[in-house]
Amino acid sequence: MLGRLFGTAASRQAKAERKAKQEEEAKSREQMFEAADESVARALECASVRKFGAPVANQLKAAEWDADNASKVYEQLEVAEPLSEQEAATMSKLQTHQAGVKSDPGRFKATWTKDKQELLAKLEMRDAVSRKMADLRATIARSSEHLEFKKQGDAMLREGKASLERNHVAEPRKNIPLMREAYLKSGFVRGEEAVKMLQGPMSIIASTRVQAFWRGVEGRRRAAKIKWTKDKGRLEASSLFLALDADHGGTLSREELSEGLAVVGYSEEEVEQVLGHLDADGDGEITEEEFINGFREALATKKQDVGGGAG
């Protein structure tokens, strides 16, 4: 009798200990889920941080760290692996069964066992977590792509400034459309301000070169050495044209040419002389081809003058 009493007491104690352990494990899993979910929320927030419309590098790095941490916790909880096709089909069937239990209990409740309920809960949890992580990774990937475009734009800006410090115009001018496109794709709203950081010095350099070409002895000497057959002179003239074309309209107006040349001290009368020489059809607008051909014709004149002087 006493043995049976002791046995019953021991059994109750063991059962209570098992229940306490299960509750502790359930609480621990719940805390791990909460920690992982918080990491996902932080990662989404960091990946969405923008400065002037572009992602922020250190915030994106924090987002990647939180995403990796959440992924590790979900793996420990055995809910990180996406469902296979067969598991997805099983989940769909169980969901249909569950809906049947609600709509027609008498027909479906008897076969809606605890095992099926637990399996459905696990499959739905895995499906939800895998979708959540996929969305997070996609958000981070998009932000990373935008940040990469921002870095490309910044790199071209640095290279452009370095080229302009050496008075090289052609390369920055060629890169401006690419830089503008990179900043646009990155979402950076101050891209045009960055472009103007190159356009201003370019206009000054280009105007200085125009002045040297028309008035300077050194400019005439260099012009005489340009090898048009190698298209060097055409590239130089095209670079100057694009640098002076402030509104990117494809033509140089009297205002644009005047503004560019005024920077280096041309008078209004001198601007009119230059405009008259380059404006082949007299419409007050100089196309790129007119600008280049004007340089070519002026170069030919300079070479003839050099030849005549030698004779």
C-alpha atoms as a PDB file:
ATOM      1  CA  MET A   1       0.000   0.000   0.000  1.00  0.00           C
ATOM      2  CA  LEU A   2       2.768   2.340   1.052  1.00  0.00           C
ATOM      3  CA  GLY A   3       4.728   1.399  -2.044  1.00  0.00           C
ATOM      4  CA  ARG A   4       1.827   2.248  -4.235  1.00  0.00           C
ATOM      5  CA  LEU A   5       1.468   5.644  -2.532  1.00  0.00           C
ATOM      6  CA  PHE A   6       5.150   6.386  -2.954  1.00  0.00           C
ATOM      7  CA  GLY A   7       4.970   5.204  -6.560  1.00  0.00           C
ATOM      8  CA  THR A   8       2.011   7.467  -7.293  1.00  0.00           C
ATOM      9  CA  ALA A   9       3.732  10.452  -5.687  1.00  0.00           C
ATOM     10  CA  ALA A  10       6.906   9.822  -7.687  1.00  0.00           C
ATOM     11  CA  SER A  11       4.884   9.544 -10.873  1.00  0.00           C
ATOM     12  CA  ARG A  12       3.135  12.840 -10.182  1.00  0.00           C
ATOM     13  CA  GLN A  13       6.469  14.522  -9.469  1.00  0.00           C
ATOM     14  CA  ALA A  14       8.006  13.191 -12.687  1.00  0.00           C
ATOM     15  CA  LYS A  15       4.974  14.349 -14.644  1.00  0.00           C
ATOM     16  CA  ALA A  16       5.212  17.822 -13.068  1.00  0.00           C
ATOM     17  CA  GLU A  17       8.926  17.981 -13.883  1.00  0.00           C
ATOM     18  CA  ARG A  18       8.257  17.018 -17.521  1.00  0.00           C
ATOM     19  CA  LYS A  19       5.568  19.667 -17.783  1.00  0.00           C
ATOM     20  CA  ALA A  20       7.834  22.315 -16.262  1.00  0.00           C
ATOM     21  CA  LYS A  21      10.599  21.366 -18.702  1.00  0.00           C
ATOM     22  CA  GLN A  22       8.224  21.551 -21.656  1.00  0.00           C
ATOM     23  CA  GLU A  23       7.020  24.959 -20.527  1.00  0.00           C
ATOM     24  CA  GLU A  24      10.604  26.135 -20.131  1.00  0.00           C
ATOM     25  CA  GLU A  25      11.491  24.900 -23.622  1.00  0.00           C
ATOM     26  CA  ALA A  26       8.398  26.530 -25.093  1.00  0.00           C
ATOM     27  CA  LYS A  27       9.285  29.815 -23.368  1.00  0.00           C
ATOM     28  CA  SER A  28      12.849  29.587 -24.653  1.00  0.00           C
ATOM     29  CA  ARG A  29      11.621  28.996 -28.230  1.00  0.00           C
ATOM     30  CA  GLU A  30       9.229  31.920 -27.922  1.00  0.00           C
ATOM     31  CA  GLN A  31      12.080  34.181 -26.785  1.00  0.00           C
ATOM     32  CA  MET A  32      14.256  33.003 -29.663  1.00  0.00           C
ATOM     33  CA  PHE A  33      11.438  33.725 -32.128  1.00  0.00           C
ATOM     34  CA  GLU A  34      11.000  37.189 -30.659  1.00  0.00           C
ATOM     35  CA  ALA A  35      14.742  37.870 -30.922  1.00  0.00           C
ATOM     36  CA  ALA A  36      14.841  36.708 -34.545  1.00  0.00           C
ATOM     37  CA  ASP A  37      11.747  38.730 -35.439  1.00  0.00           C
ATOM     38  CA  GLU A  38      13.310  41.811 -33.850  1.00  0.00           C
ATOM     39  CA  SER A  39      16.466  41.259 -35.898  1.00  0.00           C
ATOM     40  CA  VAL A  40      14.382  41.090 -39.072  1.00  0.00           C
ATOM     41  CA  ALA A  41      12.565  44.313 -38.144  1.00  0.00           C
ATOM     42  CA  ARG A  42      15.865  46.089 -37.442  1.00  0.00           C
ATOM     43  CA  ALA A  43      17.343  44.805 -40.694  1.00  0.00           C
ATOM     44  CA  LEU A  44      14.395  46.121 -42.688  1.00  0.00           C
ATOM     45  CA  GLU A  45      14.643  49.477 -40.947  1.00  0.00           C
ATOM     46  CA  CYS A  46      18.398  49.777 -41.563  1.00  0.00           C
ATOM     47  CA  ALA A  47      18.082  48.706 -45.204  1.00  0.00           C
ATOM     48  CA  SER A  48      15.470  51.416 -45.705  1.00  0.00           C
ATOM     49  CA  VAL A  49      17.583  54.264 -44.296  1.00  0.00           C
ATOM     50  CA  ARG A  50      18.393  56.844 -46.970  1.00  0.00           C
ATOM     51  CA  LYS A  51      20.609  59.913 -47.074  1.00  0.00           C
ATOM     52  CA  PHE A  52      19.560  62.269 -49.846  1.00  0.00           C
ATOM     53  CA  GLY A  53      17.679  59.342 -51.362  1.00  0.00           C
ATOM     54  CA  ALA A  54      20.592  56.872 -51.477  1.00  0.00           C
ATOM     55  CA  PRO A  55      21.275  53.951 -49.095  1.00  0.00           C
ATOM     56  CA  VAL A  56      23.777  54.466 -46.267  1.00  0.00           C
ATOM     57  CA  ALA A  57      26.713  52.041 -46.261  1.00  0.00           C
ATOM     58  CA  ASN A  58      27.013  51.461 -42.501  1.00  0.00           C
ATOM     59  CA  GLN A  59      23.239  51.061 -42.144  1.00  0.00           C
ATOM     60  CA  LEU A  60      23.206  48.501 -44.931  1.00  0.00           C
ATOM     61  CA  LYS A  61      26.044  46.623 -43.257  1.00  0.00           C
ATOM     62  CA  ALA A  62      24.028  46.560 -40.020  1.00  0.00           C
ATOM     63  CA  ALA A  63      21.033  45.242 -41.968  1.00  0.00           C
ATOM     64  CA  GLU A  64      23.106  42.397 -43.377  1.00  0.00           C
ATOM     65  CA  TRP A  65      24.406  41.551 -39.897  1.00  0.00           C
ATOM     66  CA  ASP A  66      20.894  41.456 -38.413  1.00  0.00           C
ATOM     67  CA  ALA A  67      19.632  39.370 -41.338  1.00  0.00           C
ATOM     68  CA  ASP A  68      22.426  36.829 -40.839  1.00  0.00           C
ATOM     69  CA  ASN A  69      21.727  36.715 -37.095  1.00  0.00           C
ATOM     70  CA  ALA A  70      18.005  36.143 -37.669  1.00  0.00           C
ATOM     71  CA  SER A  71      18.772  33.397 -40.166  1.00  0.00           C
ATOM     72  CA  LYS A  72      20.996  31.576 -37.652  1.00  0.00           C
ATOM     73  CA  VAL A  73      18.312  31.722 -34.950  1.00  0.00           C
ATOM     74  CA  TYR A  74      15.640  30.444 -37.331  1.00  0.00           C
ATOM     75  CA  GLU A  75      17.971  27.593 -38.286  1.00  0.00           C
ATOM     76  CA  GLN A  76      18.350  26.682 -34.604  1.00  0.00           C
ATOM     77  CA  LEU A  77      14.567  26.664 -34.347  1.00  0.00           C
ATOM     78  CA  GLU A  78      14.441  24.422 -37.469  1.00  0.00           C
ATOM     79  CA  VAL A  79      12.115  26.764 -39.335  1.00  0.00           C
ATOM     80  CA  ALA A  80      14.542  28.367 -41.787  1.00  0.00           C
ATOM     81  CA  GLU A  81      14.403  25.814 -44.604  1.00  0.00           C
ATOM     82  CA  PRO A  82      11.909  26.670 -47.381  1.00  0.00           C
ATOM     83  CA  LEU A  83       9.181  24.108 -48.079  1.00  0.00           C
ATOM     84  CA  SER A  84       9.750  21.565 -50.794  1.00  0.00           C
ATOM     85  CA  GLU A  85       7.065  21.098 -53.449  1.00  0.00           C
ATOM     86  CA  GLN A  86       5.813  18.008 -51.653  1.00  0.00           C
ATOM     87  CA  GLU A  87       5.679  19.820 -48.296  1.00  0.00           C
ATOM     88  CA  ALA A  88       3.863  22.750 -49.897  1.00  0.00           C
ATOM     89  CA  ALA A  89       1.305  20.325 -51.323  1.00  0.00           C
ATOM     90  CA  THR A  90       0.906  18.679 -47.908  1.00  0.00           C
ATOM     91  CA  MET A  91       0.365  22.075 -46.264  1.00  0.00           C
ATOM     92  CA  SER A  92      -2.285  22.943 -48.834  1.00  0.00           C
ATOM     93  CA  LYS A  93      -4.151  19.680 -48.158  1.00  0.00           C
ATOM     94  CA  LEU A  94      -3.997  20.189 -44.395  1.00  0.00           C
ATOM     95  CA  GLN A  95      -5.275  23.746 -44.759  1.00  0.00           C
ATOM     96  CA  THR A  96      -8.177  22.433 -46.804  1.00  0.00           C
ATOM     97  CA  HIS A  97      -8.869  19.867 -44.070  1.00  0.00           C
ATOM     98  CA  GLN A  98      -8.727  22.601 -41.424  1.00  0.00           C
ATOM     99  CA  ALA A  99     -11.210  24.694 -43.387  1.00  0.00           C
ATOM    100  CA  GLY A 100     -13.473  21.630 -43.628  1.00  0.00           C
ATOM    101  CA  VAL A 101     -13.406  21.222 -39.852  1.00  0.00           C
ATOM    102  CA  LYS A 102     -14.652  24.779 -39.447  1.00  0.00           C
ATOM    103  CA  SER A 103     -17.356  24.514 -42.093  1.00  0.00           C
ATOM    104  CA  ASP A 104     -18.518  20.935 -41.427  1.00  0.00           C
ATOM    105  CA  PRO A 105     -17.249  19.644 -38.026  1.00  0.00           C
ATOM    106  CA  GLY A 106     -19.391  16.524 -38.108  1.00  0.00           C
ATOM    107  CA  ARG A 107     -17.690  15.312 -41.262  1.00  0.00           C
ATOM    108  CA  PHE A 108     -14.077  16.403 -40.810  1.00  0.00           C
ATOM    109  CA  LYS A 109     -13.380  16.849 -37.074  1.00  0.00           C
ATOM    110  CA  ALA A 110     -12.944  13.163 -36.286  1.00  0.00           C
ATOM    111  CA  THR A 111      -9.975  12.859 -38.653  1.00  0.00           C
ATOM    112  CA  TRP A 112      -8.440  16.221 -37.700  1.00  0.00           C
ATOM    113  CA  THR A 113      -5.906  14.668 -35.350  1.00  0.00           C
ATOM    114  CA  LYS A 114      -3.391  16.417 -33.090  1.00  0.00           C
ATOM    115  CA  ASP A 115      -0.534  15.162 -35.268  1.00  0.00           C
ATOM    116  CA  LYS A 116      -2.061  16.821 -38.343  1.00  0.00           C
ATOM    117  CA  GLN A 117      -2.600  20.059 -36.432  1.00  0.00           C
ATOM    118  CA  GLU A 118       1.011  20.115 -35.221  1.00  0.00           C
ATOM    119  CA  LEU A 119       2.346  19.289 -38.698  1.00  0.00           C
ATOM    120  CA  LEU A 120       0.299  22.100 -40.253  1.00  0.00           C
ATOM    121  CA  ALA A 121       1.552  24.553 -37.637  1.00  0.00           C
ATOM    122  CA  LYS A 122       5.185  23.609 -38.357  1.00  0.00           C
ATOM    123  CA  LEU A 123       4.766  23.831 -42.128  1.00  0.00           C
ATOM    124  CA  GLU A 124       3.018  27.190 -41.921  1.00  0.00           C
ATOM    125  CA  MET A 125       5.706  28.536 -39.616  1.00  0.00           C
ATOM    126  CA  ARG A 126       8.477  27.432 -41.973  1.00  0.00           C
ATOM    127  CA  ASP A 127       6.628  28.897 -44.936  1.00  0.00           C
ATOM    128  CA  ALA A 128       6.103  32.228 -43.164  1.00  0.00           C
ATOM    129  CA  VAL A 129       9.730  32.455 -42.021  1.00  0.00           C
ATOM    130  CA  SER A 130      11.161  31.541 -45.428  1.00  0.00           C
ATOM    131  CA  ARG A 131       8.962  34.142 -47.131  1.00  0.00           C
ATOM    132  CA  LYS A 132       9.895  36.751 -44.537  1.00  0.00           C
ATOM    133  CA  MET A 133      13.615  36.079 -45.001  1.00  0.00           C
ATOM    134  CA  ALA A 134      13.286  36.053 -48.793  1.00  0.00           C
ATOM    135  CA  ASP A 135      11.594  39.462 -48.704  1.00  0.00           C
ATOM    136  CA  LEU A 136      14.292  40.791 -46.371  1.00  0.00           C
ATOM    137  CA  ARG A 137      17.118  39.503 -48.568  1.00  0.00           C
ATOM    138  CA  ALA A 138      15.447  41.032 -51.629  1.00  0.00           C
ATOM    139  CA  THR A 139      15.148  44.396 -49.858  1.00  0.00           C
ATOM    140  CA  ILE A 140      18.821  44.298 -48.851  1.00  0.00           C
ATOM    141  CA  ALA A 141      19.820  43.262 -52.380  1.00  0.00           C
ATOM    142  CA  ARG A 142      17.939  46.216 -53.880  1.00  0.00           C
ATOM    143  CA  SER A 143      19.527  48.622 -51.417  1.00  0.00           C
ATOM    144  CA  SER A 144      22.950  47.111 -52.111  1.00  0.00           C
ATOM    145  CA  GLU A 145      22.412  47.621 -55.838  1.00  0.00           C
ATOM    146  CA  HIS A 146      21.402  51.247 -55.261  1.00  0.00           C
ATOM    147  CA  LEU A 147      24.439  51.771 -53.036  1.00  0.00           C
ATOM    148  CA  GLU A 148      26.689  50.310 -55.717  1.00  0.00           C
ATOM    149  CA  PHE A 149      25.297  52.803 -58.250  1.00  0.00           C
ATOM    150  CA  LYS A 150      25.957  55.587 -55.721  1.00  0.00           C
ATOM    151  CA  LYS A 151      29.563  54.395 -55.351  1.00  0.00           C
ATOM    152  CA  GLN A 152      29.970  54.345 -59.131  1.00  0.00           C
ATOM    153  CA  GLY A 153      28.702  57.910 -59.346  1.00  0.00           C
ATOM    154  CA  ASP A 154      31.018  59.001 -56.528  1.00  0.00           C
ATOM    155  CA  ALA A 155      33.982  57.305 -58.203  1.00  0.00           C
ATOM    156  CA  MET A 156      33.297  59.091 -61.495  1.00  0.00           C
ATOM    157  CA  LEU A 157      32.964  62.374 -59.609  1.00  0.00           C
ATOM    158  CA  ARG A 158      36.365  61.865 -57.948  1.00  0.00           C
ATOM    159  CA  GLU A 159      37.972  60.859 -61.242  1.00  0.00           C
ATOM    160  CA  GLY A 160      36.378  63.856 -62.950  1.00  0.00           C
ATOM    161  CA  LYS A 161      37.741  66.267 -60.339  1.00  0.00           C
ATOM    162  CA  ALA A 162      41.199  64.722 -60.660  1.00  0.00           C
ATOM    163  CA  SER A 163      41.077  65.087 -64.455  1.00  0.00           C
ATOM    164  CA  LEU A 164      39.965  68.704 -64.227  1.00  0.00           C
ATOM    165  CA  GLU A 165      42.834  69.460 -61.851  1.00  0.00           C
ATOM    166  CA  ARG A 166      45.063  68.407 -64.759  1.00  0.00           C
ATOM    167  CA  ASN A 167      42.936  70.554 -67.134  1.00  0.00           C
ATOM    168  CA  HIS A 168      41.609  67.456 -68.921  1.00  0.00           C
ATOM    169  CA  VAL A 169      38.055  68.022 -70.141  1.00  0.00           C
ATOM    170  CA  ALA A 170      37.211  65.141 -72.484  1.00  0.00           C
ATOM    171  CA  GLU A 171      37.065  62.327 -69.905  1.00  0.00           C
ATOM    172  CA  PRO A 172      34.853  64.128 -67.341  1.00  0.00           C
ATOM    173  CA  ARG A 173      32.502  65.260 -70.101  1.00  0.00           C
ATOM    174  CA  LYS A 174      32.222  61.711 -71.411  1.00  0.00           C
ATOM    175  CA  ASN A 175      31.466  60.412 -67.914  1.00  0.00           C
ATOM    176  CA  ILE A 176      28.856  63.017 -66.933  1.00  0.00           C
ATOM    177  CA  PRO A 177      25.931  61.146 -68.600  1.00  0.00           C
ATOM    178  CA  LEU A 178      27.105  57.907 -66.966  1.00  0.00           C
ATOM    179  CA  MET A 179      27.488  59.629 -63.600  1.00  0.00           C
ATOM    180  CA  ARG A 180      24.036  61.205 -63.911  1.00  0.00           C
ATOM    181  CA  GLU A 181      22.530  57.794 -64.750  1.00  0.00           C
ATOM    182  CA  ALA A 182      24.330  56.097 -61.836  1.00  0.00           C
ATOM    183  CA  TYR A 183      23.070  58.693 -59.352  1.00  0.00           C
ATOM    184  CA  LEU A 184      19.567  58.428 -60.804  1.00  0.00           C
ATOM    185  CA  LYS A 185      19.549  54.649 -60.370  1.00  0.00           C
ATOM    186  CA  SER A 186      20.875  54.976 -56.824  1.00  0.00           C
ATOM    187  CA  GLY A 187      18.049  57.328 -55.856  1.00  0.00           C
ATOM    188  CA  PHE A 188      20.543  60.048 -54.910  1.00  0.00           C
ATOM    189  CA  VAL A 189      18.570  63.301 -55.183  1.00  0.00           C
ATOM    190  CA  ARG A 190      21.646  65.536 -55.284  1.00  0.00           C
ATOM    191  CA  GLY A 191      23.089  63.977 -58.400  1.00  0.00           C
ATOM    192  CA  GLU A 192      22.647  67.146 -60.445  1.00  0.00           C
ATOM    193  CA  GLU A 193      24.562  69.111 -57.821  1.00  0.00           C
ATOM    194  CA  ALA A 194      27.412  66.640 -58.220  1.00  0.00           C
ATOM    195  CA  VAL A 195      27.256  67.019 -62.006  1.00  0.00           C
ATOM    196  CA  LYS A 196      27.513  70.799 -61.665  1.00  0.00           C
ATOM    197  CA  MET A 197      30.669  70.317 -59.599  1.00  0.00           C
ATOM    198  CA  LEU A 198      32.263  69.123 -62.835  1.00  0.00           C
ATOM    199  CA  GLN A 199      30.405  71.317 -65.299  1.00  0.00           C
ATOM    200  CA  GLY A 200      31.522  74.593 -63.699  1.00  0.00           C
ATOM    201  CA  PRO A 201      35.288  73.912 -63.891  1.00  0.00           C
ATOM    202  CA  MET A 202      34.802  72.279 -67.306  1.00  0.00           C
ATOM    203  CA  SER A 203      33.249  75.463 -68.696  1.00  0.00           C
ATOM    204  CA  ILE A 204      36.140  77.544 -67.385  1.00  0.00           C
ATOM    205  CA  ILE A 205      38.747  75.181 -68.818  1.00  0.00           C
ATOM    206  CA  ALA A 206      36.897  74.913 -72.102  1.00  0.00           C
ATOM    207  CA  SER A 207      36.514  78.674 -72.371  1.00  0.00           C
ATOM    208  CA  THR A 208      40.212  79.128 -71.615  1.00  0.00           C
ATOM    209  CA  ARG A 209      41.051  76.711 -74.396  1.00  0.00           C
ATOM    210  CA  VAL A 210      38.726  78.484 -76.815  1.00  0.00           C
ATOM    211  CA  GLN A 211      40.457  81.764 -75.972  1.00  0.00           C
ATOM    212  CA  ALA A 212      43.879  80.185 -76.421  1.00  0.00           C
ATOM    213  CA  PHE A 213      42.824  78.775 -79.771  1.00  0.00           C
ATOM    214  CA  TRP A 214      41.546  82.082 -81.144  1.00  0.00           C
ATOM    215  CA  ARG A 215      43.957  84.523 -79.520  1.00  0.00           C
ATOM    216  CA  GLY A 216      46.917  82.803 -77.917  1.00  0.00           C
ATOM    217  CA  VAL A 217      50.228  82.063 -79.606  1.00  0.00           C
ATOM    218  CA  GLU A 218      50.528  78.824 -77.660  1.00  0.00           C
ATOM    219  CA  GLY A 219      47.005  77.904 -78.711  1.00  0.00           C
ATOM    220  CA  ARG A 220      47.822  78.469 -82.379  1.00  0.00           C
ATOM    221  CA  ARG A 221      51.023  76.465 -82.033  1.00  0.00           C
ATOM    222  CA  ARG A 222      49.229  73.525 -80.474  1.00  0.00           C
ATOM    223  CA  ALA A 223      46.367  73.722 -82.965  1.00  0.00           C
ATOM    224  CA  ALA A 224      48.822  73.485 -85.837  1.00  0.00           C
ATOM    225  CA  LYS A 225      50.110  70.171 -84.432  1.00  0.00           C
ATOM    226  CA  ILE A 226      46.724  68.475 -84.119  1.00  0.00           C
ATOM    227  CA  LYS A 227      46.431  65.431 -86.354  1.00  0.00           C
ATOM    228  CA  TRP A 228      42.900  65.624 -87.732  1.00  0.00           C
ATOM    229  CA  THR A 229      43.415  62.365 -89.576  1.00  0.00           C
ATOM    230  CA  LYS A 230      43.572  60.663 -86.172  1.00  0.00           C
ATOM    231  CA  ASP A 231      40.453  62.557 -85.057  1.00  0.00           C
ATOM    232  CA  LYS A 232      42.313  64.093 -82.138  1.00  0.00           C
ATOM    233  CA  GLY A 233      41.234  67.606 -83.079  1.00  0.00           C
ATOM    234  CA  ARG A 234      37.619  66.537 -83.575  1.00  0.00           C
ATOM    235  CA  LEU A 235      37.535  65.000 -80.099  1.00  0.00           C
ATOM    236  CA  GLU A 236      39.040  68.141 -78.590  1.00  0.00           C
ATOM    237  CA  ALA A 237      36.574  70.441 -80.395  1.00  0.00           C
ATOM    238  CA  SER A 238      33.671  68.151 -79.457  1.00  0.00           C
ATOM    239  CA  SER A 239      34.771  68.203 -75.806  1.00  0.00           C
ATOM    240  CA  LEU A 240      34.860  72.000 -75.812  1.00  0.00           C
ATOM    241  CA  PHE A 241      31.426  72.182 -77.425  1.00  0.00           C
ATOM    242  CA  LEU A 242      29.872  69.831 -74.874  1.00  0.00           C
ATOM    243  CA  ALA A 243      31.499  71.702 -72.000  1.00  0.00           C
ATOM    244  CA  LEU A 244      30.019  75.009 -73.179  1.00  0.00           C
ATOM    245  CA  ASP A 245      26.582  73.514 -73.903  1.00  0.00           C
ATOM    246  CA  ALA A 246      25.226  74.372 -70.437  1.00  0.00           C
ATOM    247  CA  ASP A 247      21.616  73.340 -71.054  1.00  0.00           C
ATOM    248  CA  HIS A 248      22.535  70.166 -72.989  1.00  0.00           C
ATOM    249  CA  GLY A 249      20.308  71.320 -75.837  1.00  0.00           C
ATOM    250  CA  GLY A 250      22.680  70.139 -78.559  1.00  0.00           C
ATOM    251  CA  THR A 251      23.430  73.661 -79.781  1.00  0.00           C
ATOM    252  CA  LEU A 252      25.373  76.633 -78.459  1.00  0.00           C
ATOM    253  CA  SER A 253      23.361  79.802 -78.136  1.00  0.00           C
ATOM    254  CA  ARG A 254      24.875  83.265 -78.159  1.00  0.00           C
ATOM    255  CA  GLU A 255      24.171  83.396 -74.413  1.00  0.00           C
ATOM    256  CA  GLU A 256      25.989  80.143 -73.677  1.00  0.00           C
ATOM    257  CA  LEU A 257      29.010  81.088 -75.755  1.00  0.00           C
ATOM    258  CA  SER A 258      29.049  84.593 -74.305  1.00  0.00           C
ATOM    259  CA  GLU A 259      28.796  83.294 -70.750  1.00  0.00           C
ATOM    260  CA  GLY A 260      31.584  80.791 -71.248  1.00  0.00           C
ATOM    261  CA  LEU A 261      33.951  83.246 -72.931  1.00  0.00           C
ATOM    262  CA  ALA A 262      33.140  86.069 -70.506  1.00  0.00           C
ATOM    263  CA  VAL A 263      34.653  83.939 -67.744  1.00  0.00           C
ATOM    264  CA  VAL A 264      38.068  84.424 -69.334  1.00  0.00           C
ATOM    265  CA  GLY A 265      37.622  88.096 -70.278  1.00  0.00           C
ATOM    266  CA  TYR A 266      36.214  88.157 -73.821  1.00  0.00           C
ATOM    267  CA  SER A 267      34.410  91.350 -74.751  1.00  0.00           C
ATOM    268  CA  GLU A 268      30.953  91.332 -76.324  1.00  0.00           C
ATOM    269  CA  GLU A 269      32.492  92.377 -79.646  1.00  0.00           C
ATOM    270  CA  GLU A 270      34.968  89.517 -79.553  1.00  0.00           C
ATOM    271  CA  VAL A 271      32.193  87.058 -78.724  1.00  0.00           C
ATOM    272  CA  GLU A 272      30.289  88.311 -81.787  1.00  0.00           C
ATOM    273  CA  GLN A 273      33.353  87.733 -83.952  1.00  0.00           C
ATOM    274  CA  VAL A 274      33.733  84.160 -82.708  1.00  0.00           C
ATOM    275  CA  LEU A 275      30.013  83.522 -83.104  1.00  0.00           C
ATOM    276  CA  GLY A 276      30.030  84.919 -86.635  1.00  0.00           C
ATOM    277  CA  HIS A 277      32.898  82.664 -87.645  1.00  0.00           C
ATOM    278  CA  LEU A 278      31.348  79.512 -86.186  1.00  0.00           C
ATOM    279  CA  ASP A 279      27.663  80.122 -86.986  1.00  0.00           C
ATOM    280  CA  ALA A 280      27.740  78.820 -90.556  1.00  0.00           C
ATOM    281  CA  ASP A 281      24.043  79.308 -91.353  1.00  0.00           C
ATOM    282  CA  GLY A 282      23.628  82.517 -89.364  1.00  0.00           C
ATOM    283  CA  ASP A 283      20.710  81.327 -87.229  1.00  0.00           C
ATOM    284  CA  GLY A 284      22.334  82.373 -83.956  1.00  0.00           C
ATOM    285  CA  GLU A 285      22.723  78.747 -82.845  1.00  0.00           C
ATOM    286  CA  ILE A 286      25.919  76.752 -83.281  1.00  0.00           C
ATOM    287  CA  THR A 287      25.545  73.011 -83.727  1.00  0.00           C
ATOM    288  CA  GLU A 288      28.282  70.634 -82.673  1.00  0.00           C
ATOM    289  CA  GLU A 289      29.156  69.973 -86.315  1.00  0.00           C
ATOM    290  CA  GLU A 290      29.424  73.723 -87.040  1.00  0.00           C
ATOM    291  CA  PHE A 291      31.633  74.125 -83.992  1.00  0.00           C
ATOM    292  CA  ILE A 292      33.922  71.267 -85.040  1.00  0.00           C
ATOM    293  CA  ASN A 293      34.060  72.377 -88.688  1.00  0.00           C
ATOM    294  CA  GLY A 294      34.830  75.944 -87.577  1.00  0.00           C
ATOM    295  CA  PHE A 295      37.827  74.643 -85.713  1.00  0.00           C
ATOM    296  CA  ARG A 296      38.850  72.540 -88.690  1.00  0.00           C
ATOM    297  CA  GLU A 297      38.633  75.522 -91.062  1.00  0.00           C
ATOM    298  CA  ALA A 298      40.500  77.766 -88.647  1.00  0.00           C
ATOM    299  CA  LEU A 299      43.187  75.102 -88.317  1.00  0.00           C
ATOM    300  CA  ALA A 300      43.524  74.896 -92.101  1.00  0.00           C
ATOM    301  CA  THR A 301      43.937  78.677 -92.229  1.00  0.00           C
ATOM    302  CA  LYS A 302      46.620  78.585 -89.554  1.00  0.00           C
ATOM    303  CA  LYS A 303      48.525  75.892 -91.459  1.00  0.00           C
ATOM    304  CA  GLN A 304      48.345  77.899 -94.699  1.00  0.00           C
ATOM    305  CA  ASP A 305      49.647  80.949 -92.829  1.00  0.00           C
ATOM    306  CA  VAL A 306      52.520  78.885 -91.481  1.00  0.00           C
ATOM    307  CA  GLY A 307      53.309  77.570 -94.966  1.00  0.00           C
ATOM    308  CA  GLY A 308      53.160  81.038 -96.517  1.00  0.00           C
ATOM    309  CA  GLY A 309      55.478  82.415 -93.867  1.00  0.00           C
ATOM    310  CA  ALA A 310      58.026  79.679 -94.560  1.00  0.00           C
ATOM    311  CA  GLY A 311      57.979  80.487 -98.280  1.00  0.00           C
END
